[in-house]
């Protein structure tokens, strides 16, 4: 695959292609050369996906900095739509409920 095609592929498309390669390799019905070719493609796709995840993580870290540029780290907690819409500050238990 050409470099421009690899760069234009979305993360989701790369992940789907990787999943298809894994399924083909797991079937065990391939010749050695085809298996090696698919393995190489899978490694490239895996690295591409990891690079994109790392880029996304860095973007999120930049967005979550305070006004002095320090990263703001907090526990992940999901909020219900009611809490967001009403603005109420209900007491939650240790599991966020």
C-alpha atoms as a PDB file:
ATOM      1  CA  UNK A   1       0.000   0.000   0.000  1.00  0.00           C
ATOM      2  CA  UNK A   2       1.239   3.467  -0.812  1.00  0.00           C
ATOM      3  CA  UNK A   3       2.145   5.987   1.872  1.00  0.00           C
ATOM      4  CA  UNK A   4      -0.621   8.439   0.866  1.00  0.00           C
ATOM      5  CA  UNK A   5      -3.227   5.666   1.147  1.00  0.00           C
ATOM      6  CA  UNK A   6      -1.962   4.728   4.609  1.00  0.00           C
ATOM      7  CA  UNK A   7      -2.151   8.350   5.776  1.00  0.00           C
ATOM      8  CA  UNK A   8      -5.688   8.865   4.425  1.00  0.00           C
ATOM      9  CA  UNK A   9      -7.061   5.715   6.071  1.00  0.00           C
ATOM     10  CA  UNK A  10      -8.976   6.341   9.286  1.00  0.00           C
ATOM     11  CA  UNK A  11      -8.080   4.718  12.580  1.00  0.00           C
ATOM     12  CA  UNK A  12     -11.251   2.669  12.391  1.00  0.00           C
ATOM     13  CA  UNK A  13     -10.455   1.453   8.854  1.00  0.00           C
ATOM     14  CA  UNK A  14      -6.932   0.494   9.924  1.00  0.00           C
ATOM     15  CA  UNK A  15      -8.258  -1.380  12.939  1.00  0.00           C
ATOM     16  CA  UNK A  16     -10.832  -3.211  10.823  1.00  0.00           C
ATOM     17  CA  UNK A  17      -8.151  -4.202   8.297  1.00  0.00           C
ATOM     18  CA  UNK A  18      -5.977  -5.451  11.155  1.00  0.00           C
ATOM     19  CA  UNK A  19      -8.865  -7.520  12.534  1.00  0.00           C
ATOM     20  CA  UNK A  20      -9.396  -9.112   9.104  1.00  0.00           C
ATOM     21  CA  UNK A  21      -5.709  -9.986   8.876  1.00  0.00           C
ATOM     22  CA  UNK A  22      -5.818 -11.588  12.323  1.00  0.00           C
ATOM     23  CA  UNK A  23      -8.832 -13.681  11.312  1.00  0.00           C
ATOM     24  CA  UNK A  24      -7.070 -14.836   8.145  1.00  0.00           C
ATOM     25  CA  UNK A  25      -3.914 -15.742  10.030  1.00  0.00           C
ATOM     26  CA  UNK A  26      -5.850 -17.559  12.744  1.00  0.00           C
ATOM     27  CA  UNK A  27      -7.630 -19.698  10.153  1.00  0.00           C
ATOM     28  CA  UNK A  28      -4.326 -21.421   9.386  1.00  0.00           C
ATOM     29  CA  UNK A  29      -5.307 -22.092   5.772  1.00  0.00           C
ATOM     30  CA  UNK A  30      -2.630 -19.865   4.205  1.00  0.00           C
ATOM     31  CA  UNK A  31       0.650 -20.633   2.531  1.00  0.00           C
ATOM     32  CA  UNK A  32       3.763 -19.574   4.388  1.00  0.00           C
ATOM     33  CA  UNK A  33       4.550 -16.663   2.047  1.00  0.00           C
ATOM     34  CA  UNK A  34       0.983 -15.328   2.256  1.00  0.00           C
ATOM     35  CA  UNK A  35       1.084 -15.658   6.047  1.00  0.00           C
ATOM     36  CA  UNK A  36       4.328 -13.688   6.197  1.00  0.00           C
ATOM     37  CA  UNK A  37       2.930 -10.999   3.902  1.00  0.00           C
ATOM     38  CA  UNK A  38      -0.188 -10.639   6.032  1.00  0.00           C
ATOM     39  CA  UNK A  39       1.890 -10.629   9.212  1.00  0.00           C
ATOM     40  CA  UNK A  40       4.002  -7.740   7.843  1.00  0.00           C
ATOM     41  CA  UNK A  41       0.864  -5.821   6.886  1.00  0.00           C
ATOM     42  CA  UNK A  42      -0.563  -6.481  10.339  1.00  0.00           C
ATOM     43  CA  UNK A  43       2.559  -5.147  12.047  1.00  0.00           C
ATOM     44  CA  UNK A  44       2.390  -1.986   9.929  1.00  0.00           C
ATOM     45  CA  UNK A  45      -1.293  -1.528  10.735  1.00  0.00           C
ATOM     46  CA  UNK A  46      -0.685  -2.170  14.429  1.00  0.00           C
ATOM     47  CA  UNK A  47       2.038   0.471  14.533  1.00  0.00           C
ATOM     48  CA  UNK A  48      -0.134   2.889  12.569  1.00  0.00           C
ATOM     49  CA  UNK A  49      -2.999   2.422  15.041  1.00  0.00           C
ATOM     50  CA  UNK A  50      -0.663   2.828  18.019  1.00  0.00           C
ATOM     51  CA  UNK A  51       0.774   6.033  16.533  1.00  0.00           C
ATOM     52  CA  UNK A  52      -2.708   7.444  16.052  1.00  0.00           C
ATOM     53  CA  UNK A  53      -3.682   6.552  19.614  1.00  0.00           C
ATOM     54  CA  UNK A  54      -0.516   8.232  20.903  1.00  0.00           C
ATOM     55  CA  UNK A  55      -1.314  11.343  18.869  1.00  0.00           C
ATOM     56  CA  UNK A  56      -4.852  11.421  20.247  1.00  0.00           C
ATOM     57  CA  UNK A  57      -3.521  11.041  23.793  1.00  0.00           C
ATOM     58  CA  UNK A  58      -1.129  13.969  23.300  1.00  0.00           C
ATOM     59  CA  UNK A  59      -3.941  16.132  21.905  1.00  0.00           C
ATOM     60  CA  UNK A  60      -6.110  15.316  24.914  1.00  0.00           C
ATOM     61  CA  UNK A  61      -3.259  16.096  27.304  1.00  0.00           C
ATOM     62  CA  UNK A  62      -2.832  19.513  25.665  1.00  0.00           C
ATOM     63  CA  UNK A  63      -6.552  20.209  25.925  1.00  0.00           C
ATOM     64  CA  UNK A  64      -6.629  19.227  29.591  1.00  0.00           C
ATOM     65  CA  UNK A  65      -3.921  21.592  30.814  1.00  0.00           C
ATOM     66  CA  UNK A  66      -4.662  24.261  33.398  1.00  0.00           C
ATOM     67  CA  UNK A  67      -3.933  27.951  32.855  1.00  0.00           C
ATOM     68  CA  UNK A  68      -0.277  27.448  33.885  1.00  0.00           C
ATOM     69  CA  UNK A  69       0.202  24.639  31.367  1.00  0.00           C
ATOM     70  CA  UNK A  70       0.238  21.846  33.937  1.00  0.00           C
ATOM     71  CA  UNK A  71      -1.655  18.670  33.039  1.00  0.00           C
ATOM     72  CA  UNK A  72      -4.911  18.261  34.909  1.00  0.00           C
ATOM     73  CA  UNK A  73      -5.335  14.655  35.981  1.00  0.00           C
ATOM     74  CA  UNK A  74      -8.596  13.412  37.396  1.00  0.00           C
ATOM     75  CA  UNK A  75     -10.348  10.100  37.743  1.00  0.00           C
ATOM     76  CA  UNK A  76     -12.648   9.176  34.916  1.00  0.00           C
ATOM     77  CA  UNK A  77     -16.246   9.429  36.000  1.00  0.00           C
ATOM     78  CA  UNK A  78     -19.301   9.267  33.836  1.00  0.00           C
ATOM     79  CA  UNK A  79     -22.155  11.565  34.668  1.00  0.00           C
ATOM     80  CA  UNK A  80     -25.796  10.974  33.915  1.00  0.00           C
ATOM     81  CA  UNK A  81     -27.583  13.321  31.552  1.00  0.00           C
ATOM     82  CA  UNK A  82     -29.781  14.502  34.428  1.00  0.00           C
ATOM     83  CA  UNK A  83     -26.800  15.794  36.426  1.00  0.00           C
ATOM     84  CA  UNK A  84     -25.489  17.660  33.415  1.00  0.00           C
ATOM     85  CA  UNK A  85     -28.845  19.128  32.390  1.00  0.00           C
ATOM     86  CA  UNK A  86     -30.041  20.226  35.821  1.00  0.00           C
ATOM     87  CA  UNK A  87     -26.720  21.323  37.186  1.00  0.00           C
ATOM     88  CA  UNK A  88     -27.507  19.660  40.500  1.00  0.00           C
ATOM     89  CA  UNK A  89     -24.654  18.581  42.692  1.00  0.00           C
ATOM     90  CA  UNK A  90     -25.986  15.318  44.078  1.00  0.00           C
ATOM     91  CA  UNK A  91     -23.847  13.261  46.420  1.00  0.00           C
ATOM     92  CA  UNK A  92     -22.429  10.185  44.706  1.00  0.00           C
ATOM     93  CA  UNK A  93     -21.137   6.978  46.207  1.00  0.00           C
ATOM     94  CA  UNK A  94     -17.626   5.658  45.629  1.00  0.00           C
ATOM     95  CA  UNK A  95     -18.633   4.148  42.270  1.00  0.00           C
ATOM     96  CA  UNK A  96     -19.997   7.419  40.891  1.00  0.00           C
ATOM     97  CA  UNK A  97     -23.669   6.532  41.372  1.00  0.00           C
END
